[in-house]
């Protein structure tokens, strides 16, 4: 849930900024590029650990809920915020190669506005890279959430989480190794599955790939 919603946040912000930046060009493109560089300069995991205590307490007080929903919302927002620049750069690069194509020029000549060009003309041609990169960034978010849970920052018991289970299993590593092995292998298989899915989609959706 955390990984999926964080990717959704990253996709929405990154796609919108990538399309606008690539299409507008000039100062708009330069400004967004500097914002992307600024966000990428922050280490995501370190910021998650540093901000966790303060922000989770604020969210918990504001929402009036227990710590687990506040922790989930915190990780979704932070991972989504630090994940959108990668989407924005990929989409911007695709838009730069599409915005001078004939169908975009035809839409402009017919009086299409910017919003129509962004989301009606350009967006349908961007689903392939969006889908591929989504499946590639999902395992990264899953692993990040597990690492935070292992460090005691993420979701805690009784809500199940790979990180909290692995953290608990350390105490039983010698007496019952299966308690550590099975969640570790499961986490490995989940991350590997998404990576293989991303590689397969990239090969399947690449028009230049060898089909033989």
C-alpha atoms as a PDB file:
ATOM      1  CA  UNK A   1       0.000   0.000   0.000  1.00  0.00           C
ATOM      2  CA  UNK A   2       2.737   2.457   0.938  1.00  0.00           C
ATOM      3  CA  UNK A   3       4.829   1.680  -2.142  1.00  0.00           C
ATOM      4  CA  UNK A   4       1.865   1.835  -4.539  1.00  0.00           C
ATOM      5  CA  UNK A   5       0.472   5.125  -3.236  1.00  0.00           C
ATOM      6  CA  UNK A   6       3.951   6.674  -3.101  1.00  0.00           C
ATOM      7  CA  UNK A   7       4.491   5.734  -6.754  1.00  0.00           C
ATOM      8  CA  UNK A   8       1.091   7.218  -7.613  1.00  0.00           C
ATOM      9  CA  UNK A   9       2.068  10.515  -5.997  1.00  0.00           C
ATOM     10  CA  UNK A  10       5.386  10.500  -7.869  1.00  0.00           C
ATOM     11  CA  UNK A  11       3.710   9.707 -11.190  1.00  0.00           C
ATOM     12  CA  UNK A  12       1.094  12.471 -10.926  1.00  0.00           C
ATOM     13  CA  UNK A  13       3.575  15.192  -9.928  1.00  0.00           C
ATOM     14  CA  UNK A  14       6.391  14.014 -12.210  1.00  0.00           C
ATOM     15  CA  UNK A  15       4.240  13.579 -15.322  1.00  0.00           C
ATOM     16  CA  UNK A  16       2.597  16.986 -14.992  1.00  0.00           C
ATOM     17  CA  UNK A  17       5.884  18.803 -14.379  1.00  0.00           C
ATOM     18  CA  UNK A  18       7.699  16.800 -17.066  1.00  0.00           C
ATOM     19  CA  UNK A  19       5.073  17.582 -19.724  1.00  0.00           C
ATOM     20  CA  UNK A  20       4.873  21.274 -18.824  1.00  0.00           C
ATOM     21  CA  UNK A  21       8.651  21.660 -18.624  1.00  0.00           C
ATOM     22  CA  UNK A  22       9.367  19.854 -21.880  1.00  0.00           C
ATOM     23  CA  UNK A  23       6.632  21.631 -23.819  1.00  0.00           C
ATOM     24  CA  UNK A  24       7.114  25.168 -22.516  1.00  0.00           C
ATOM     25  CA  UNK A  25      10.915  25.303 -22.762  1.00  0.00           C
ATOM     26  CA  UNK A  26      12.827  28.508 -22.021  1.00  0.00           C
ATOM     27  CA  UNK A  27      12.681  29.894 -18.508  1.00  0.00           C
ATOM     28  CA  UNK A  28       9.934  27.511 -17.444  1.00  0.00           C
ATOM     29  CA  UNK A  29      12.042  24.512 -18.414  1.00  0.00           C
ATOM     30  CA  UNK A  30      15.132  26.005 -16.745  1.00  0.00           C
ATOM     31  CA  UNK A  31      13.211  26.723 -13.515  1.00  0.00           C
ATOM     32  CA  UNK A  32      11.731  23.230 -13.287  1.00  0.00           C
ATOM     33  CA  UNK A  33      15.113  21.683 -14.061  1.00  0.00           C
ATOM     34  CA  UNK A  34      16.684  23.567 -11.161  1.00  0.00           C
ATOM     35  CA  UNK A  35      13.872  22.472  -8.841  1.00  0.00           C
ATOM     36  CA  UNK A  36      14.465  18.862  -9.920  1.00  0.00           C
ATOM     37  CA  UNK A  37      18.200  19.211  -9.222  1.00  0.00           C
ATOM     38  CA  UNK A  38      17.409  20.736  -5.825  1.00  0.00           C
ATOM     39  CA  UNK A  39      15.076  17.896  -4.790  1.00  0.00           C
ATOM     40  CA  UNK A  40      17.480  15.220  -6.057  1.00  0.00           C
ATOM     41  CA  UNK A  41      20.258  16.681  -3.899  1.00  0.00           C
ATOM     42  CA  UNK A  42      18.459  15.514  -0.727  1.00  0.00           C
ATOM     43  CA  UNK A  43      19.119  11.914   0.394  1.00  0.00           C
ATOM     44  CA  UNK A  44      15.696  10.293   0.597  1.00  0.00           C
ATOM     45  CA  UNK A  45      16.388   7.712   3.313  1.00  0.00           C
ATOM     46  CA  UNK A  46      18.188  10.194   5.543  1.00  0.00           C
ATOM     47  CA  UNK A  47      15.356  12.704   5.219  1.00  0.00           C
ATOM     48  CA  UNK A  48      12.800  10.002   6.041  1.00  0.00           C
ATOM     49  CA  UNK A  49      14.676   9.133   9.223  1.00  0.00           C
ATOM     50  CA  UNK A  50      15.362  12.752  10.208  1.00  0.00           C
ATOM     51  CA  UNK A  51      11.801  13.992   9.692  1.00  0.00           C
ATOM     52  CA  UNK A  52       9.946  10.916  10.909  1.00  0.00           C
ATOM     53  CA  UNK A  53       9.474  11.734  14.592  1.00  0.00           C
ATOM     54  CA  UNK A  54       8.367  15.337  14.149  1.00  0.00           C
ATOM     55  CA  UNK A  55       6.165  14.890  11.081  1.00  0.00           C
ATOM     56  CA  UNK A  56       4.507  11.671  12.274  1.00  0.00           C
ATOM     57  CA  UNK A  57       3.574  13.328  15.589  1.00  0.00           C
ATOM     58  CA  UNK A  58       2.114  16.304  13.697  1.00  0.00           C
ATOM     59  CA  UNK A  59       0.114  14.042  11.357  1.00  0.00           C
ATOM     60  CA  UNK A  60      -1.056  11.913  14.250  1.00  0.00           C
ATOM     61  CA  UNK A  61      -2.336  14.987  16.107  1.00  0.00           C
ATOM     62  CA  UNK A  62      -3.897  16.510  12.993  1.00  0.00           C
ATOM     63  CA  UNK A  63      -5.661  13.336  11.861  1.00  0.00           C
ATOM     64  CA  UNK A  64      -6.562  12.125  15.337  1.00  0.00           C
ATOM     65  CA  UNK A  65      -5.520   8.583  14.473  1.00  0.00           C
ATOM     66  CA  UNK A  66      -3.074   6.028  15.804  1.00  0.00           C
ATOM     67  CA  UNK A  67       0.612   6.067  14.903  1.00  0.00           C
ATOM     68  CA  UNK A  68       0.385   3.454  12.113  1.00  0.00           C
ATOM     69  CA  UNK A  69      -1.855   5.483   9.716  1.00  0.00           C
ATOM     70  CA  UNK A  70       0.253   8.576  10.411  1.00  0.00           C
ATOM     71  CA  UNK A  71       3.439   6.625   9.671  1.00  0.00           C
ATOM     72  CA  UNK A  72       1.980   5.281   6.433  1.00  0.00           C
ATOM     73  CA  UNK A  73       0.869   8.749   5.301  1.00  0.00           C
ATOM     74  CA  UNK A  74       4.279  10.182   6.187  1.00  0.00           C
ATOM     75  CA  UNK A  75       6.154   7.576   4.137  1.00  0.00           C
ATOM     76  CA  UNK A  76       3.755   7.934   1.198  1.00  0.00           C
ATOM     77  CA  UNK A  77       4.169  11.713   1.086  1.00  0.00           C
ATOM     78  CA  UNK A  78       7.945  11.746   1.567  1.00  0.00           C
ATOM     79  CA  UNK A  79       8.716   8.883  -0.844  1.00  0.00           C
ATOM     80  CA  UNK A  80       6.305  10.360  -3.362  1.00  0.00           C
ATOM     81  CA  UNK A  81       7.897  13.796  -3.020  1.00  0.00           C
ATOM     82  CA  UNK A  82      11.435  12.515  -3.488  1.00  0.00           C
ATOM     83  CA  UNK A  83      10.401  10.159  -6.310  1.00  0.00           C
ATOM     84  CA  UNK A  84       8.745  12.569  -8.748  1.00  0.00           C
ATOM     85  CA  UNK A  85      11.967  14.168 -10.128  1.00  0.00           C
ATOM     86  CA  UNK A  86      12.947  10.874 -11.776  1.00  0.00           C
ATOM     87  CA  UNK A  87       9.592  10.674 -13.543  1.00  0.00           C
ATOM     88  CA  UNK A  88       9.810  14.349 -14.491  1.00  0.00           C
ATOM     89  CA  UNK A  89      13.207  13.925 -16.144  1.00  0.00           C
ATOM     90  CA  UNK A  90      12.123  10.878 -18.125  1.00  0.00           C
ATOM     91  CA  UNK A  91       8.874  12.501 -19.280  1.00  0.00           C
ATOM     92  CA  UNK A  92      10.630  15.763 -20.110  1.00  0.00           C
ATOM     93  CA  UNK A  93      13.073  13.919 -22.358  1.00  0.00           C
ATOM     94  CA  UNK A  94      10.235  12.138 -24.144  1.00  0.00           C
ATOM     95  CA  UNK A  95       8.262  15.359 -24.584  1.00  0.00           C
ATOM     96  CA  UNK A  96      11.265  17.154 -26.090  1.00  0.00           C
ATOM     97  CA  UNK A  97      11.275  14.564 -28.876  1.00  0.00           C
ATOM     98  CA  UNK A  98       7.489  14.650 -29.340  1.00  0.00           C
ATOM     99  CA  UNK A  99       6.567  18.324 -29.173  1.00  0.00           C
ATOM    100  CA  UNK A 100       7.835  19.074 -32.704  1.00  0.00           C
ATOM    101  CA  UNK A 101       6.015  16.114 -34.265  1.00  0.00           C
ATOM    102  CA  UNK A 102       3.348  16.676 -36.906  1.00  0.00           C
ATOM    103  CA  UNK A 103       0.361  15.752 -34.735  1.00  0.00           C
ATOM    104  CA  UNK A 104       1.328  18.386 -32.153  1.00  0.00           C
ATOM    105  CA  UNK A 105       1.826  21.038 -34.820  1.00  0.00           C
ATOM    106  CA  UNK A 106      -1.550  20.088 -36.321  1.00  0.00           C
ATOM    107  CA  UNK A 107      -3.231  20.475 -32.931  1.00  0.00           C
ATOM    108  CA  UNK A 108      -1.637  23.910 -32.476  1.00  0.00           C
ATOM    109  CA  UNK A 109      -2.702  25.012 -35.962  1.00  0.00           C
ATOM    110  CA  UNK A 110      -6.290  24.010 -35.141  1.00  0.00           C
ATOM    111  CA  UNK A 111      -6.221  26.236 -32.061  1.00  0.00           C
ATOM    112  CA  UNK A 112      -5.746  23.616 -29.352  1.00  0.00           C
ATOM    113  CA  UNK A 113      -4.875  25.057 -25.966  1.00  0.00           C
ATOM    114  CA  UNK A 114      -1.972  24.038 -23.792  1.00  0.00           C
ATOM    115  CA  UNK A 115      -4.022  21.742 -21.580  1.00  0.00           C
ATOM    116  CA  UNK A 116      -5.322  19.839 -24.621  1.00  0.00           C
ATOM    117  CA  UNK A 117      -1.809  19.518 -26.047  1.00  0.00           C
ATOM    118  CA  UNK A 118      -0.454  18.349 -22.694  1.00  0.00           C
ATOM    119  CA  UNK A 119      -3.021  15.709 -21.814  1.00  0.00           C
ATOM    120  CA  UNK A 120      -4.770  14.823 -25.081  1.00  0.00           C
ATOM    121  CA  UNK A 121      -1.960  14.941 -27.637  1.00  0.00           C
ATOM    122  CA  UNK A 122       1.188  14.157 -25.634  1.00  0.00           C
ATOM    123  CA  UNK A 123       0.088  12.040 -22.661  1.00  0.00           C
ATOM    124  CA  UNK A 124      -1.193   9.031 -24.705  1.00  0.00           C
ATOM    125  CA  UNK A 125       2.301   8.700 -26.216  1.00  0.00           C
ATOM    126  CA  UNK A 126       3.923   8.635 -22.773  1.00  0.00           C
ATOM    127  CA  UNK A 127       2.149   5.682 -21.181  1.00  0.00           C
ATOM    128  CA  UNK A 128       4.872   3.212 -22.159  1.00  0.00           C
ATOM    129  CA  UNK A 129       7.751   4.942 -20.292  1.00  0.00           C
ATOM    130  CA  UNK A 130       5.419   5.795 -17.394  1.00  0.00           C
ATOM    131  CA  UNK A 131       4.339   2.165 -17.022  1.00  0.00           C
ATOM    132  CA  UNK A 132       7.864   0.811 -17.323  1.00  0.00           C
ATOM    133  CA  UNK A 133       9.398   3.216 -14.820  1.00  0.00           C
ATOM    134  CA  UNK A 134       6.496   2.671 -12.401  1.00  0.00           C
ATOM    135  CA  UNK A 135       7.268  -1.052 -12.242  1.00  0.00           C
ATOM    136  CA  UNK A 136      10.959  -0.266 -11.782  1.00  0.00           C
ATOM    137  CA  UNK A 137      10.502   2.230  -8.939  1.00  0.00           C
ATOM    138  CA  UNK A 138       7.972   0.063  -7.060  1.00  0.00           C
ATOM    139  CA  UNK A 139      10.618  -2.359  -5.705  1.00  0.00           C
ATOM    140  CA  UNK A 140      12.740   0.589  -4.614  1.00  0.00           C
ATOM    141  CA  UNK A 141       9.855   1.933  -2.532  1.00  0.00           C
ATOM    142  CA  UNK A 142       9.115  -1.527  -1.107  1.00  0.00           C
ATOM    143  CA  UNK A 143      12.749  -1.940  -0.077  1.00  0.00           C
ATOM    144  CA  UNK A 144      12.829   1.582   1.405  1.00  0.00           C
ATOM    145  CA  UNK A 145       9.715   0.924   3.478  1.00  0.00           C
ATOM    146  CA  UNK A 146      11.201  -2.364   4.692  1.00  0.00           C
ATOM    147  CA  UNK A 147      14.473  -0.672   5.626  1.00  0.00           C
ATOM    148  CA  UNK A 148      12.638   2.009   7.590  1.00  0.00           C
ATOM    149  CA  UNK A 149      10.548  -0.595   9.375  1.00  0.00           C
ATOM    150  CA  UNK A 150      13.712  -2.503  10.259  1.00  0.00           C
ATOM    151  CA  UNK A 151      15.226   0.688  11.719  1.00  0.00           C
ATOM    152  CA  UNK A 152      12.081   1.315  13.760  1.00  0.00           C
ATOM    153  CA  UNK A 153      10.994   4.387  11.801  1.00  0.00           C
ATOM    154  CA  UNK A 154       8.321   2.879   9.567  1.00  0.00           C
ATOM    155  CA  UNK A 155       5.227   0.827  10.263  1.00  0.00           C
ATOM    156  CA  UNK A 156       5.360  -0.997  13.566  1.00  0.00           C
ATOM    157  CA  UNK A 157       3.561  -4.013  15.040  1.00  0.00           C
ATOM    158  CA  UNK A 158       0.807  -5.153  15.157  1.00  0.00           C
ATOM    159  CA  UNK A 159       0.510  -3.980  11.530  1.00  0.00           C
ATOM    160  CA  UNK A 160       2.536  -6.444   9.437  1.00  0.00           C
ATOM    161  CA  UNK A 161       5.519  -5.062   7.564  1.00  0.00           C
ATOM    162  CA  UNK A 162       8.609  -6.677   6.075  1.00  0.00           C
ATOM    163  CA  UNK A 163      10.867  -4.363   8.058  1.00  0.00           C
ATOM    164  CA  UNK A 164       9.248  -4.910  11.450  1.00  0.00           C
ATOM    165  CA  UNK A 165       9.123  -8.689  10.912  1.00  0.00           C
ATOM    166  CA  UNK A 166      12.810  -8.779  10.010  1.00  0.00           C
ATOM    167  CA  UNK A 167      13.609  -6.583  12.999  1.00  0.00           C
ATOM    168  CA  UNK A 168      11.799  -8.978  15.346  1.00  0.00           C
ATOM    169  CA  UNK A 169      13.411 -12.012  13.721  1.00  0.00           C
ATOM    170  CA  UNK A 170      16.912 -10.857  14.683  1.00  0.00           C
ATOM    171  CA  UNK A 171      16.225 -11.938  18.263  1.00  0.00           C
ATOM    172  CA  UNK A 172      15.371 -15.464  17.096  1.00  0.00           C
ATOM    173  CA  UNK A 173      18.021 -15.836  14.359  1.00  0.00           C
ATOM    174  CA  UNK A 174      19.939 -18.517  16.267  1.00  0.00           C
ATOM    175  CA  UNK A 175      17.049 -20.433  17.851  1.00  0.00           C
ATOM    176  CA  UNK A 176      14.685 -20.313  14.830  1.00  0.00           C
ATOM    177  CA  UNK A 177      16.428 -19.218  11.602  1.00  0.00           C
ATOM    178  CA  UNK A 178      13.248 -19.742   9.568  1.00  0.00           C
ATOM    179  CA  UNK A 179      11.734 -16.665  11.257  1.00  0.00           C
ATOM    180  CA  UNK A 180      14.421 -14.594   9.547  1.00  0.00           C
ATOM    181  CA  UNK A 181      14.843 -16.592   6.323  1.00  0.00           C
ATOM    182  CA  UNK A 182      11.243 -16.716   5.119  1.00  0.00           C
ATOM    183  CA  UNK A 183      10.405 -12.968   5.297  1.00  0.00           C
ATOM    184  CA  UNK A 184      13.848 -12.155   3.869  1.00  0.00           C
ATOM    185  CA  UNK A 185      13.360 -14.512   0.922  1.00  0.00           C
ATOM    186  CA  UNK A 186       9.805 -13.211   0.408  1.00  0.00           C
ATOM    187  CA  UNK A 187      11.027  -9.615   0.300  1.00  0.00           C
ATOM    188  CA  UNK A 188      13.733 -10.633  -2.159  1.00  0.00           C
ATOM    189  CA  UNK A 189      11.198 -12.363  -4.425  1.00  0.00           C
ATOM    190  CA  UNK A 190       8.786  -9.415  -4.363  1.00  0.00           C
ATOM    191  CA  UNK A 191      11.507  -6.942  -5.314  1.00  0.00           C
ATOM    192  CA  UNK A 192      12.914  -9.308  -7.954  1.00  0.00           C
ATOM    193  CA  UNK A 193       9.447  -9.852  -9.448  1.00  0.00           C
ATOM    194  CA  UNK A 194       8.858  -6.146  -9.956  1.00  0.00           C
ATOM    195  CA  UNK A 195      12.319  -5.710 -11.443  1.00  0.00           C
ATOM    196  CA  UNK A 196      11.728  -8.541 -13.912  1.00  0.00           C
ATOM    197  CA  UNK A 197       8.284  -7.150 -14.732  1.00  0.00           C
ATOM    198  CA  UNK A 198       9.828  -3.743 -15.451  1.00  0.00           C
ATOM    199  CA  UNK A 199      12.507  -5.272 -17.683  1.00  0.00           C
ATOM    200  CA  UNK A 200       9.899  -7.295 -19.542  1.00  0.00           C
ATOM    201  CA  UNK A 201       7.631  -4.300 -20.101  1.00  0.00           C
ATOM    202  CA  UNK A 202      10.577  -2.228 -21.277  1.00  0.00           C
ATOM    203  CA  UNK A 203      11.495  -4.858 -23.861  1.00  0.00           C
ATOM    204  CA  UNK A 204       7.872  -5.399 -24.913  1.00  0.00           C
ATOM    205  CA  UNK A 205       7.055  -1.709 -25.316  1.00  0.00           C
ATOM    206  CA  UNK A 206      10.331  -0.670 -26.951  1.00  0.00           C
ATOM    207  CA  UNK A 207       9.652  -0.304 -30.694  1.00  0.00           C
ATOM    208  CA  UNK A 208      13.373  -0.670 -31.445  1.00  0.00           C
ATOM    209  CA  UNK A 209      13.788  -3.924 -29.530  1.00  0.00           C
ATOM    210  CA  UNK A 210      14.664  -7.145 -31.328  1.00  0.00           C
ATOM    211  CA  UNK A 211      11.490  -9.274 -31.550  1.00  0.00           C
ATOM    212  CA  UNK A 212      13.228 -12.500 -32.553  1.00  0.00           C
END
